[in-house]
Amino acid sequence: MDCPEVVRRLWEYLDGELAAKEAGAVRLHLESCSQCRPACHCDRAFLLLLSRSLRASAAAPSTLAASVRARLWPDAQ
């Protein structure tokens, strides 16, 4: 597998969407390629950050929530 193909398939690889043979080829390439490895580390870090931010949900202020409810269901008050 060459660099352009690895870069194209990187998100599928990181998401675990590749077949075992393809994933193995990407993994082998990343182990030996000093150009593609940083892209993989960067994308993996981004996915980790995204995952963490989705787990830390923040509640809307009560005034905002009330305002949205009032606009969506004006007869419910």
PDB file of N, CA and C in Angstrom:
ATOM      1  N   MET A   1       0.861  -1.165   0.000  1.00  0.00           N
ATOM      2  CA  MET A   1       0.000   0.000   0.000  1.00  0.00           C
ATOM      3  C   MET A   1       0.906   1.226   0.000  1.00  0.00           C
ATOM      4  N   ASP A   2       0.592   2.201  -0.845  1.00  0.00           N
ATOM      5  CA  ASP A   2       1.424   3.398  -0.935  1.00  0.00           C
ATOM      6  C   ASP A   2       0.819   4.552  -0.118  1.00  0.00           C
ATOM      7  N   CYS A   3       1.609   5.612   0.035  1.00  0.00           N
ATOM      8  CA  CYS A   3       1.202   6.743   0.889  1.00  0.00           C
ATOM      9  C   CYS A   3      -0.153   7.344   0.509  1.00  0.00           C
ATOM     10  N   PRO A   4      -0.399   7.673  -0.769  1.00  0.00           N
ATOM     11  CA  PRO A   4      -1.702   8.269  -1.100  1.00  0.00           C
ATOM     12  C   PRO A   4      -2.885   7.374  -0.716  1.00  0.00           C
ATOM     13  N   GLU A   5      -2.729   6.064  -0.908  1.00  0.00           N
ATOM     14  CA  GLU A   5      -3.829   5.159  -0.551  1.00  0.00           C
ATOM     15  C   GLU A   5      -4.014   5.069   0.960  1.00  0.00           C
ATOM     16  N   VAL A   6      -2.918   5.051   1.703  1.00  0.00           N
ATOM     17  CA  VAL A   6      -3.016   5.017   3.168  1.00  0.00           C
ATOM     18  C   VAL A   6      -3.718   6.274   3.674  1.00  0.00           C
ATOM     19  N   VAL A   7      -3.336   7.415   3.143  1.00  0.00           N
ATOM     20  CA  VAL A   7      -3.962   8.671   3.569  1.00  0.00           C
ATOM     21  C   VAL A   7      -5.453   8.664   3.241  1.00  0.00           C
ATOM     22  N   ARG A   8      -5.818   8.127   2.085  1.00  0.00           N
ATOM     23  CA  ARG A   8      -7.245   8.048   1.707  1.00  0.00           C
ATOM     24  C   ARG A   8      -8.018   7.111   2.624  1.00  0.00           C
ATOM     25  N   ARG A   9      -7.373   6.053   3.104  1.00  0.00           N
ATOM     26  CA  ARG A   9      -8.061   5.038   3.894  1.00  0.00           C
ATOM     27  C   ARG A   9      -7.888   5.217   5.395  1.00  0.00           C
ATOM     28  N   LEU A  10      -7.176   6.270   5.808  1.00  0.00           N
ATOM     29  CA  LEU A  10      -6.810   6.432   7.211  1.00  0.00           C
ATOM     30  C   LEU A  10      -8.014   6.514   8.144  1.00  0.00           C
ATOM     31  N   TRP A  11      -9.040   7.269   7.769  1.00  0.00           N
ATOM     32  CA  TRP A  11     -10.212   7.393   8.649  1.00  0.00           C
ATOM     33  C   TRP A  11     -10.935   6.063   8.782  1.00  0.00           C
ATOM     34  N   GLU A  12     -11.025   5.323   7.687  1.00  0.00           N
ATOM     35  CA  GLU A  12     -11.642   3.993   7.756  1.00  0.00           C
ATOM     36  C   GLU A  12     -10.828   3.080   8.678  1.00  0.00           C
ATOM     37  N   TYR A  13      -9.514   3.185   8.587  1.00  0.00           N
ATOM     38  CA  TYR A  13      -8.631   2.393   9.441  1.00  0.00           C
ATOM     39  C   TYR A  13      -8.837   2.745  10.906  1.00  0.00           C
ATOM     40  N   LEU A  14      -8.819   4.029  11.214  1.00  0.00           N
ATOM     41  CA  LEU A  14      -8.971   4.465  12.601  1.00  0.00           C
ATOM     42  C   LEU A  14     -10.349   4.144  13.163  1.00  0.00           C
ATOM     43  N   ASP A  15     -11.354   4.116  12.313  1.00  0.00           N
ATOM     44  CA  ASP A  15     -12.712   3.782  12.747  1.00  0.00           C
ATOM     45  C   ASP A  15     -12.962   2.277  12.797  1.00  0.00           C
ATOM     46  N   GLY A  16     -11.962   1.482  12.412  1.00  0.00           N
ATOM     47  CA  GLY A  16     -12.116   0.032  12.424  1.00  0.00           C
ATOM     48  C   GLY A  16     -13.036  -0.488  11.346  1.00  0.00           C
ATOM     49  N   GLU A  17     -13.127   0.234  10.235  1.00  0.00           N
ATOM     50  CA  GLU A  17     -14.052  -0.137   9.170  1.00  0.00           C
ATOM     51  C   GLU A  17     -13.409  -0.959   8.053  1.00  0.00           C
ATOM     52  N   LEU A  18     -12.096  -1.150   8.094  1.00  0.00           N
ATOM     53  CA  LEU A  18     -11.426  -1.899   7.040  1.00  0.00           C
ATOM     54  C   LEU A  18     -11.441  -3.390   7.342  1.00  0.00           C
ATOM     55  N   ALA A  19     -11.445  -4.181   6.286  1.00  0.00           N
ATOM     56  CA  ALA A  19     -11.307  -5.628   6.439  1.00  0.00           C
ATOM     57  C   ALA A  19      -9.935  -5.911   7.037  1.00  0.00           C
ATOM     58  N   ALA A  20      -9.788  -7.069   7.659  1.00  0.00           N
ATOM     59  CA  ALA A  20      -8.546  -7.413   8.362  1.00  0.00           C
ATOM     60  C   ALA A  20      -7.318  -7.299   7.456  1.00  0.00           C
ATOM     61  N   LYS A  21      -7.426  -7.752   6.221  1.00  0.00           N
ATOM     62  CA  LYS A  21      -6.282  -7.705   5.289  1.00  0.00           C
ATOM     63  C   LYS A  21      -5.889  -6.259   4.982  1.00  0.00           C
ATOM     64  N   GLU A  22      -6.887  -5.420   4.709  1.00  0.00           N
ATOM     65  CA  GLU A  22      -6.608  -4.007   4.413  1.00  0.00           C
ATOM     66  C   GLU A  22      -6.055  -3.295   5.643  1.00  0.00           C
ATOM     67  N   ALA A  23      -6.645  -3.555   6.801  1.00  0.00           N
ATOM     68  CA  ALA A  23      -6.170  -2.930   8.037  1.00  0.00           C
ATOM     69  C   ALA A  23      -4.726  -3.328   8.309  1.00  0.00           C
ATOM     70  N   GLY A  24      -4.408  -4.579   8.061  1.00  0.00           N
ATOM     71  CA  GLY A  24      -3.036  -5.037   8.245  1.00  0.00           C
ATOM     72  C   GLY A  24      -2.071  -4.337   7.316  1.00  0.00           C
ATOM     73  N   ALA A  25      -2.488  -4.124   6.077  1.00  0.00           N
ATOM     74  CA  ALA A  25      -1.632  -3.425   5.111  1.00  0.00           C
ATOM     75  C   ALA A  25      -1.410  -1.978   5.543  1.00  0.00           C
ATOM     76  N   VAL A  26      -2.449  -1.319   6.015  1.00  0.00           N
ATOM     77  CA  VAL A  26      -2.302   0.061   6.500  1.00  0.00           C
ATOM     78  C   VAL A  26      -1.386   0.082   7.714  1.00  0.00           C
ATOM     79  N   ARG A  27      -1.592  -0.831   8.635  1.00  0.00           N
ATOM     80  CA  ARG A  27      -0.781  -0.897   9.850  1.00  0.00           C
ATOM     81  C   ARG A  27       0.698  -1.097   9.510  1.00  0.00           C
ATOM     82  N   LEU A  28       0.988  -2.023   8.595  1.00  0.00           N
ATOM     83  CA  LEU A  28       2.372  -2.270   8.175  1.00  0.00           C
ATOM     84  C   LEU A  28       2.989  -1.019   7.558  1.00  0.00           C
ATOM     85  N   HIS A  29       2.216  -0.342   6.722  1.00  0.00           N
ATOM     86  CA  HIS A  29       2.718   0.880   6.089  1.00  0.00           C
ATOM     87  C   HIS A  29       3.017   1.932   7.150  1.00  0.00           C
ATOM     88  N   LEU A  30       2.113   2.112   8.091  1.00  0.00           N
ATOM     89  CA  LEU A  30       2.302   3.139   9.125  1.00  0.00           C
ATOM     90  C   LEU A  30       3.510   2.835  10.011  1.00  0.00           C
ATOM     91  N   GLU A  31       3.787   1.561  10.244  1.00  0.00           N
ATOM     92  CA  GLU A  31       4.938   1.187  11.061  1.00  0.00           C
ATOM     93  C   GLU A  31       6.251   1.564  10.399  1.00  0.00           C
ATOM     94  N   SER A  32       6.266   1.580   9.074  1.00  0.00           N
ATOM     95  CA  SER A  32       7.521   1.822   8.376  1.00  0.00           C
ATOM     96  C   SER A  32       7.605   3.181   7.680  1.00  0.00           C
ATOM     97  N   CYS A  33       6.537   3.939   7.650  1.00  0.00           N
ATOM     98  CA  CYS A  33       6.530   5.202   6.898  1.00  0.00           C
ATOM     99  C   CYS A  33       6.557   6.403   7.843  1.00  0.00           C
ATOM    100  N   SER A  34       7.652   7.114   7.812  1.00  0.00           N
ATOM    101  CA  SER A  34       7.787   8.281   8.687  1.00  0.00           C
ATOM    102  C   SER A  34       6.984   9.478   8.190  1.00  0.00           C
ATOM    103  N   GLN A  35       6.466   9.405   6.970  1.00  0.00           N
ATOM    104  CA  GLN A  35       5.644  10.501   6.450  1.00  0.00           C
ATOM    105  C   GLN A  35       4.174  10.329   6.818  1.00  0.00           C
ATOM    106  N   CYS A  36       3.674   9.117   6.786  1.00  0.00           N
ATOM    107  CA  CYS A  36       2.251   8.874   7.075  1.00  0.00           C
ATOM    108  C   CYS A  36       1.964   8.740   8.567  1.00  0.00           C
ATOM    109  N   ARG A  37       2.920   8.284   9.328  1.00  0.00           N
ATOM    110  CA  ARG A  37       2.710   8.051  10.762  1.00  0.00           C
ATOM    111  C   ARG A  37       2.245   9.308  11.496  1.00  0.00           C
ATOM    112  N   PRO A  38       2.855  10.492  11.255  1.00  0.00           N
ATOM    113  CA  PRO A  38       2.368  11.697  11.957  1.00  0.00           C
ATOM    114  C   PRO A  38       0.910  12.022  11.631  1.00  0.00           C
ATOM    115  N   ALA A  39       0.497  11.794  10.388  1.00  0.00           N
ATOM    116  CA  ALA A  39      -0.910  12.044  10.031  1.00  0.00           C
ATOM    117  C   ALA A  39      -1.825  11.119  10.823  1.00  0.00           C
ATOM    118  N   CYS A  40      -1.407   9.878  10.987  1.00  0.00           N
ATOM    119  CA  CYS A  40      -2.200   8.923  11.761  1.00  0.00           C
ATOM    120  C   CYS A  40      -2.291   9.352  13.221  1.00  0.00           C
ATOM    121  N   HIS A  41      -1.163   9.763  13.800  1.00  0.00           N
ATOM    122  CA  HIS A  41      -1.166  10.216  15.199  1.00  0.00           C
ATOM    123  C   HIS A  41      -2.053  11.447  15.374  1.00  0.00           C
ATOM    124  N   CYS A  42      -1.983  12.358  14.425  1.00  0.00           N
ATOM    125  CA  CYS A  42      -2.799  13.582  14.493  1.00  0.00           C
ATOM    126  C   CYS A  42      -4.290  13.241  14.396  1.00  0.00           C
ATOM    127  N   ASP A  43      -4.649  12.412  13.429  1.00  0.00           N
ATOM    128  CA  ASP A  43      -6.059  12.048  13.256  1.00  0.00           C
ATOM    129  C   ASP A  43      -6.580  11.258  14.452  1.00  0.00           C
ATOM    130  N   ARG A  44      -5.740  10.376  14.999  1.00  0.00           N
ATOM    131  CA  ARG A  44      -6.145   9.595  16.178  1.00  0.00           C
ATOM    132  C   ARG A  44      -6.374  10.529  17.371  1.00  0.00           C
ATOM    133  N   ALA A  45      -5.476  11.518  17.543  1.00  0.00           N
ATOM    134  CA  ALA A  45      -5.628  12.477  18.642  1.00  0.00           C
ATOM    135  C   ALA A  45      -6.905  13.295  18.464  1.00  0.00           C
ATOM    136  N   PHE A  46      -7.208  13.678  17.223  1.00  0.00           N
ATOM    137  CA  PHE A  46      -8.436  14.426  16.952  1.00  0.00           C
ATOM    138  C   PHE A  46      -9.663  13.600  17.318  1.00  0.00           C
ATOM    139  N   LEU A  47      -9.673  12.323  16.932  1.00  0.00           N
ATOM    140  CA  LEU A  47     -10.809  11.463  17.265  1.00  0.00           C
ATOM    141  C   LEU A  47     -10.961  11.290  18.773  1.00  0.00           C
ATOM    142  N   LEU A  48      -9.846  11.182  19.477  1.00  0.00           N
ATOM    143  CA  LEU A  48      -9.888  11.061  20.932  1.00  0.00           C
ATOM    144  C   LEU A  48     -10.466  12.335  21.561  1.00  0.00           C
ATOM    145  N   LEU A  49     -10.011  13.482  21.080  1.00  0.00           N
ATOM    146  CA  LEU A  49     -10.521  14.762  21.575  1.00  0.00           C
ATOM    147  C   LEU A  49     -12.019  14.893  21.299  1.00  0.00           C
ATOM    148  N   LEU A  50     -12.424  14.523  20.110  1.00  0.00           N
ATOM    149  CA  LEU A  50     -13.842  14.580  19.747  1.00  0.00           C
ATOM    150  C   LEU A  50     -14.665  13.657  20.637  1.00  0.00           C
ATOM    151  N   SER A  51     -14.166  12.472  20.858  1.00  0.00           N
ATOM    152  CA  SER A  51     -14.858  11.514  21.719  1.00  0.00           C
ATOM    153  C   SER A  51     -15.012  12.051  23.141  1.00  0.00           C
ATOM    154  N   ARG A  52     -13.943  12.617  23.662  1.00  0.00           N
ATOM    155  CA  ARG A  52     -14.001  13.176  25.022  1.00  0.00           C
ATOM    156  C   ARG A  52     -14.974  14.347  25.105  1.00  0.00           C
ATOM    157  N   SER A  53     -14.987  15.189  24.088  1.00  0.00           N
ATOM    158  CA  SER A  53     -15.873  16.354  24.143  1.00  0.00           C
ATOM    159  C   SER A  53     -17.332  15.941  24.048  1.00  0.00           C
ATOM    160  N   LEU A  54     -17.623  14.859  23.346  1.00  0.00           N
ATOM    161  CA  LEU A  54     -19.006  14.390  23.242  1.00  0.00           C
ATOM    162  C   LEU A  54     -19.490  13.763  24.537  1.00  0.00           C
ATOM    163  N   ARG A  55     -18.571  13.174  25.298  1.00  0.00           N
ATOM    164  CA  ARG A  55     -18.950  12.581  26.580  1.00  0.00           C
ATOM    165  C   ARG A  55     -19.217  13.635  27.639  1.00  0.00           C
ATOM    166  N   ALA A  56     -18.592  14.793  27.524  1.00  0.00           N
ATOM    167  CA  ALA A  56     -18.749  15.859  28.515  1.00  0.00           C
ATOM    168  C   ALA A  56     -19.842  16.807  28.033  1.00  0.00           C
ATOM    169  N   SER A  57     -21.075  16.399  28.234  1.00  0.00           N
ATOM    170  CA  SER A  57     -22.175  17.233  27.762  1.00  0.00           C
ATOM    171  C   SER A  57     -22.429  18.377  28.740  1.00  0.00           C
ATOM    172  N   ALA A  58     -22.780  19.493  28.183  1.00  0.00           N
ATOM    173  CA  ALA A  58     -23.091  20.668  28.993  1.00  0.00           C
ATOM    174  C   ALA A  58     -24.575  20.988  28.842  1.00  0.00           C
ATOM    175  N   ALA A  59     -25.204  21.265  29.934  1.00  0.00           N
ATOM    176  CA  ALA A  59     -26.630  21.595  29.906  1.00  0.00           C
ATOM    177  C   ALA A  59     -26.811  23.049  29.472  1.00  0.00           C
ATOM    178  N   ALA A  60     -27.886  23.285  28.760  1.00  0.00           N
ATOM    179  CA  ALA A  60     -28.218  24.655  28.366  1.00  0.00           C
ATOM    180  C   ALA A  60     -28.699  25.416  29.593  1.00  0.00           C
ATOM    181  N   PRO A  61     -28.420  26.716  29.640  1.00  0.00           N
ATOM    182  CA  PRO A  61     -28.952  27.517  30.757  1.00  0.00           C
ATOM    183  C   PRO A  61     -30.476  27.396  30.810  1.00  0.00           C
ATOM    184  N   SER A  62     -31.029  27.416  31.995  1.00  0.00           N
ATOM    185  CA  SER A  62     -32.471  27.199  32.152  1.00  0.00           C
ATOM    186  C   SER A  62     -33.299  28.234  31.390  1.00  0.00           C
ATOM    187  N   THR A  63     -32.819  29.463  31.301  1.00  0.00           N
ATOM    188  CA  THR A  63     -33.566  30.490  30.558  1.00  0.00           C
ATOM    189  C   THR A  63     -33.591  30.175  29.071  1.00  0.00           C
ATOM    190  N   LEU A  64     -32.490  29.656  28.538  1.00  0.00           N
ATOM    191  CA  LEU A  64     -32.458  29.284  27.130  1.00  0.00           C
ATOM    192  C   LEU A  64     -33.383  28.107  26.873  1.00  0.00           C
ATOM    193  N   ALA A  65     -33.311  27.095  27.739  1.00  0.00           N
ATOM    194  CA  ALA A  65     -34.177  25.925  27.581  1.00  0.00           C
ATOM    195  C   ALA A  65     -35.646  26.328  27.629  1.00  0.00           C
ATOM    196  N   ALA A  66     -36.013  27.207  28.540  1.00  0.00           N
ATOM    197  CA  ALA A  66     -37.411  27.661  28.649  1.00  0.00           C
ATOM    198  C   ALA A  66     -37.822  28.431  27.399  1.00  0.00           C
ATOM    199  N   SER A  67     -36.930  29.257  26.889  1.00  0.00           N
ATOM    200  CA  SER A  67     -37.229  30.033  25.687  1.00  0.00           C
ATOM    201  C   SER A  67     -37.450  29.124  24.478  1.00  0.00           C
ATOM    202  N   VAL A  68     -36.620  28.114  24.336  1.00  0.00           N
ATOM    203  CA  VAL A  68     -36.764  27.170  23.223  1.00  0.00           C
ATOM    204  C   VAL A  68     -38.066  26.397  23.359  1.00  0.00           C
ATOM    205  N   ARG A  69     -38.356  25.905  24.561  1.00  0.00           N
ATOM    206  CA  ARG A  69     -39.626  25.188  24.771  1.00  0.00           C
ATOM    207  C   ARG A  69     -40.818  26.080  24.434  1.00  0.00           C
ATOM    208  N   ALA A  70     -40.771  27.334  24.857  1.00  0.00           N
ATOM    209  CA  ALA A  70     -41.885  28.242  24.600  1.00  0.00           C
ATOM    210  C   ALA A  70     -42.080  28.481  23.101  1.00  0.00           C
ATOM    211  N   ARG A  71     -40.993  28.521  22.365  1.00  0.00           N
ATOM    212  CA  ARG A  71     -41.120  28.730  20.907  1.00  0.00           C
ATOM    213  C   ARG A  71     -41.595  27.474  20.189  1.00  0.00           C
ATOM    214  N   LEU A  72     -41.160  26.310  20.682  1.00  0.00           N
ATOM    215  CA  LEU A  72     -41.552  25.065  20.043  1.00  0.00           C
ATOM    216  C   LEU A  72     -42.973  24.665  20.384  1.00  0.00           C
ATOM    217  N   TRP A  73     -43.366  24.869  21.640  1.00  0.00           N
ATOM    218  CA  TRP A  73     -44.686  24.463  22.099  1.00  0.00           C
ATOM    219  C   TRP A  73     -45.355  25.633  22.825  1.00  0.00           C
ATOM    220  N   PRO A  74     -45.781  26.651  22.098  1.00  0.00           N
ATOM    221  CA  PRO A  74     -46.337  27.858  22.751  1.00  0.00           C
ATOM    222  C   PRO A  74     -47.621  27.567  23.520  1.00  0.00           C
ATOM    223  N   ASP A  75     -48.374  26.559  23.144  1.00  0.00           N
ATOM    224  CA  ASP A  75     -49.635  26.258  23.819  1.00  0.00           C
ATOM    225  C   ASP A  75     -49.442  25.421  25.080  1.00  0.00           C
ATOM    226  N   ALA A  76     -48.245  24.949  25.345  1.00  0.00           N
ATOM    227  CA  ALA A  76     -48.007  24.041  26.452  1.00  0.00           C
ATOM    228  C   ALA A  76     -47.833  24.794  27.783  1.00  0.00           C
ATOM    229  N   GLN A  77     -47.822  26.088  27.750  1.00  0.00           N
ATOM    230  CA  GLN A  77     -47.572  26.838  28.996  1.00  0.00           C
ATOM    231  C   GLN A  77     -48.824  27.219  29.693  1.00  0.00           C
TER     232      GLN A  77
END
